[in-house]
Protein backbone atom coordinates (compact mmCIF):
# COMPACT_ATOMS: atom_id res chain seq x y z
CA MET A 1 88.51 81.33 94.79
CA THR A 2 85.12 81.09 93.20
CA ALA A 3 83.72 83.84 91.05
CA ALA A 4 80.26 82.30 91.00
CA GLY A 5 77.68 84.88 91.86
CA ALA A 6 79.95 87.79 90.96
CA THR A 7 78.18 90.05 88.55
CA GLY A 8 79.48 92.99 86.60
CA ALA A 9 82.45 95.09 87.56
CA ALA A 10 83.61 95.68 91.09
CA GLY A 11 81.75 98.97 91.11
CA ALA A 12 81.98 101.74 88.59
CA ALA A 13 85.07 103.82 89.19
CA ARG A 14 84.56 107.38 90.32
CA ALA A 15 85.42 110.01 87.75
CA ASP A 16 88.19 111.30 90.04
CA ASP A 17 89.59 107.84 90.89
CA PRO A 18 91.43 105.43 88.61
CA GLY A 19 89.78 102.33 90.06
CA VAL A 20 87.95 100.63 92.87
CA ARG A 21 88.33 101.01 96.61
CA ILE A 22 88.85 97.77 98.49
CA LEU A 23 88.51 97.10 102.21
CA LEU A 24 90.27 94.04 103.63
CA LEU A 25 88.44 93.26 106.86
CA ASP A 26 88.91 91.12 109.92
CA PRO A 27 85.37 91.71 111.30
CA PRO A 28 84.60 92.63 114.90
CA ALA A 29 83.89 89.82 117.34
CA THR A 30 82.21 89.74 120.73
CA ARG A 31 85.17 87.73 122.05
CA PRO A 32 88.73 87.85 120.71
CA VAL A 33 89.27 85.52 117.78
CA LEU A 34 92.32 84.96 115.63
CA ARG A 35 91.32 84.37 112.00
CA ASP A 36 94.39 83.40 110.01
CA TYR A 37 95.56 80.83 107.48
CA PHE A 38 92.13 79.14 107.39
CA CYS A 39 92.51 78.26 111.07
CA SER A 40 90.69 80.22 113.77
CA THR A 41 91.41 80.08 117.46
CA ARG A 42 90.54 81.99 120.59
CA PRO A 43 93.62 83.54 122.22
CA LYS A 44 94.22 82.53 125.78
CA ALA A 45 96.30 85.60 126.55
CA GLY A 46 96.39 89.21 125.39
CA TYR A 47 98.32 88.57 122.18
CA ARG A 48 97.15 89.12 118.61
CA TRP A 49 98.81 88.21 115.36
CA GLN A 50 98.25 89.90 112.07
CA PRO A 51 95.85 88.12 109.70
CA MET A 52 98.32 86.93 107.05
CA ASP A 53 95.45 86.44 104.59
CA LEU A 54 94.74 90.17 104.57
CA LEU A 55 98.41 91.13 104.42
CA ALA A 56 99.03 88.85 101.43
CA LEU A 57 95.99 90.20 99.56
CA GLY A 58 97.10 93.75 100.31
CA GLY A 59 100.45 92.98 98.72
CA LEU A 60 98.79 91.54 95.62
CA LEU A 61 96.61 94.64 95.26
CA ALA A 62 99.34 97.22 95.97
CA ASP A 63 100.47 98.11 92.46
CA ARG A 64 97.31 97.47 90.44
CA GLU A 65 96.23 100.35 88.25
CA ASP A 66 92.57 99.29 88.50
CA VAL A 67 92.61 99.73 92.30
CA ALA A 68 92.30 103.29 93.59
CA SER A 69 93.04 102.36 97.19
CA THR A 70 93.13 99.46 99.60
CA ARG A 71 92.63 99.59 103.35
CA LEU A 72 93.12 96.87 105.90
CA LEU A 73 91.06 96.96 109.07
CA ASP A 74 91.66 94.40 111.80
CA ALA A 75 88.56 95.19 113.84
CA VAL A 76 89.38 92.47 116.38
CA ALA A 77 92.84 93.85 117.17
CA ALA A 78 91.52 97.43 117.18
CA ARG A 79 88.55 96.35 119.33
CA THR A 80 86.23 98.10 116.87
CA SER A 81 82.51 97.81 117.59
CA VAL A 82 80.07 97.03 114.80
CA ALA A 83 78.67 100.58 115.06
CA ALA A 84 82.17 102.10 114.76
CA LEU A 85 82.95 99.74 111.88
CA ARG A 86 79.84 100.88 110.02
CA ARG A 87 80.90 104.51 110.43
CA GLN A 88 84.43 103.77 109.21
CA VAL A 89 83.13 101.84 106.21
CA ALA A 90 80.69 104.64 105.34
CA ALA A 91 83.55 107.18 105.50
CA TYR A 92 85.87 105.09 103.30
CA ASP A 93 83.01 103.98 101.01
CA PRO A 94 84.65 100.87 99.52
CA ASP A 95 83.35 99.25 96.35
CA VAL A 96 84.49 95.81 97.52
CA ILE A 97 84.82 94.33 100.99
CA PHE A 98 86.84 91.18 101.52
CA GLY A 99 85.99 89.71 104.91
CA LEU A 100 87.51 86.85 106.83
CA VAL A 101 84.89 84.41 108.12
CA SER A 102 85.77 82.08 110.98
CA ALA A 103 84.28 78.71 111.82
CA LEU A 104 84.02 80.06 115.38
CA THR A 105 82.01 83.15 114.39
CA THR A 106 80.43 82.30 111.01
CA ALA A 107 76.90 83.56 111.69
CA ASP A 108 78.10 86.85 113.22
CA ASP A 109 80.72 87.42 110.50
CA LEU A 110 78.24 86.85 107.68
CA ALA A 111 75.62 89.06 109.38
CA ILE A 112 78.14 91.91 109.71
CA LEU A 113 79.17 91.57 106.06
CA ARG A 114 75.52 91.52 104.95
CA ARG A 115 74.90 94.68 106.96
CA LEU A 116 77.89 96.43 105.39
CA ARG A 117 76.66 95.42 101.94
CA ASP A 118 73.14 96.65 102.73
CA ASP A 119 74.47 99.93 104.15
CA GLY A 120 75.97 100.60 100.74
CA ARG A 121 72.93 99.72 98.61
CA LEU A 122 71.99 103.27 97.70
CA ARG A 123 75.48 104.35 96.67
CA ARG A 124 75.70 106.20 93.36
CA ARG A 125 78.22 103.65 92.09
CA GLY A 126 76.00 100.70 92.90
CA PRO A 127 75.98 98.22 95.77
CA ARG A 128 79.13 96.93 97.41
CA ARG A 129 80.43 93.52 96.52
CA ILE A 130 81.25 91.18 99.39
CA VAL A 131 83.90 88.51 98.94
CA VAL A 132 84.85 86.16 101.76
CA GLY A 133 87.74 83.96 102.76
CA GLY A 134 88.78 82.02 105.80
CA GLU A 135 87.62 78.63 106.97
CA VAL A 136 84.12 79.03 105.56
CA ALA A 137 85.57 79.12 102.04
CA LEU A 138 87.03 75.65 102.56
CA ASP A 139 84.00 74.17 104.32
CA ARG A 140 82.28 71.72 101.95
CA ASP A 141 79.06 72.20 103.92
CA PHE A 142 79.02 76.00 103.54
CA ASP A 143 75.88 76.83 101.57
CA PHE A 144 77.38 79.50 99.34
CA GLN A 145 74.25 79.71 97.19
CA SER A 146 72.09 80.74 100.17
CA GLN A 147 74.41 83.68 100.96
CA ASP A 148 73.02 86.13 98.40
CA HIS A 149 75.20 88.91 99.77
CA VAL A 150 78.42 87.00 99.05
CA ALA A 151 79.69 87.52 95.50
CA GLY A 152 82.70 85.22 95.73
CA LEU A 153 84.94 83.02 97.83
CA ILE A 154 88.72 83.24 97.91
CA LEU A 155 90.28 79.85 98.56
CA ASP A 156 93.90 80.86 97.93
CA PHE A 157 94.78 84.32 99.23
CA THR A 158 98.23 84.12 97.62
CA ALA A 159 96.97 83.61 94.06
CA PRO A 160 97.13 86.57 91.65
CA GLU A 161 93.60 85.61 90.58
CA ALA A 162 92.41 86.55 94.08
CA ALA A 163 93.40 90.14 93.36
CA ASP A 164 91.64 89.90 89.98
CA LEU A 165 88.39 88.87 91.68
CA LEU A 166 88.59 91.72 94.17
CA ALA A 167 89.57 94.37 91.62
CA THR A 168 87.36 93.41 88.69
CA GLY A 169 84.70 91.00 89.93
CA ARG A 170 86.08 88.35 87.58
CA ALA A 171 88.65 85.62 87.92
CA ALA A 172 89.91 82.78 85.81
CA GLY A 173 87.90 79.99 87.43
CA ARG A 174 88.47 78.52 90.83
CA VAL A 175 91.81 79.12 92.53
């Protein structure tokens, strides 16, 4: 996990909420894709497996007092369109979005995450933070610095520091 580029808190907490809202997202794809364990594939049948990365992060975030709520949305399994995703994100209004980014769909995944960040720019609590994981986080050629909408990379979705980065915008170095 890299906290480089993360600035400030995860988003000021609402007066009526004890902490931040976090969305764990497997973004929509034009063709089915399985993003899991830093290894993406295209299914050859109608099966889907749960993205373990998102499930593990959800478990790490479950009992944190600085997190008001966490939602997991597997847009691939739910066959959610980008337009429907944008409506769902607007309704939930997360402060932080963690998105899986696949080597098979990198450009589309990053474009969707940028759009979700931009949709939230005029929020009263400030813009959304976007944090990514998946194969792109391990790719030495990924130009993290050119992705101005990405506030951090999670390299180990089982590390407690991953939850720190999502909840607070800070983490103890690279995990």
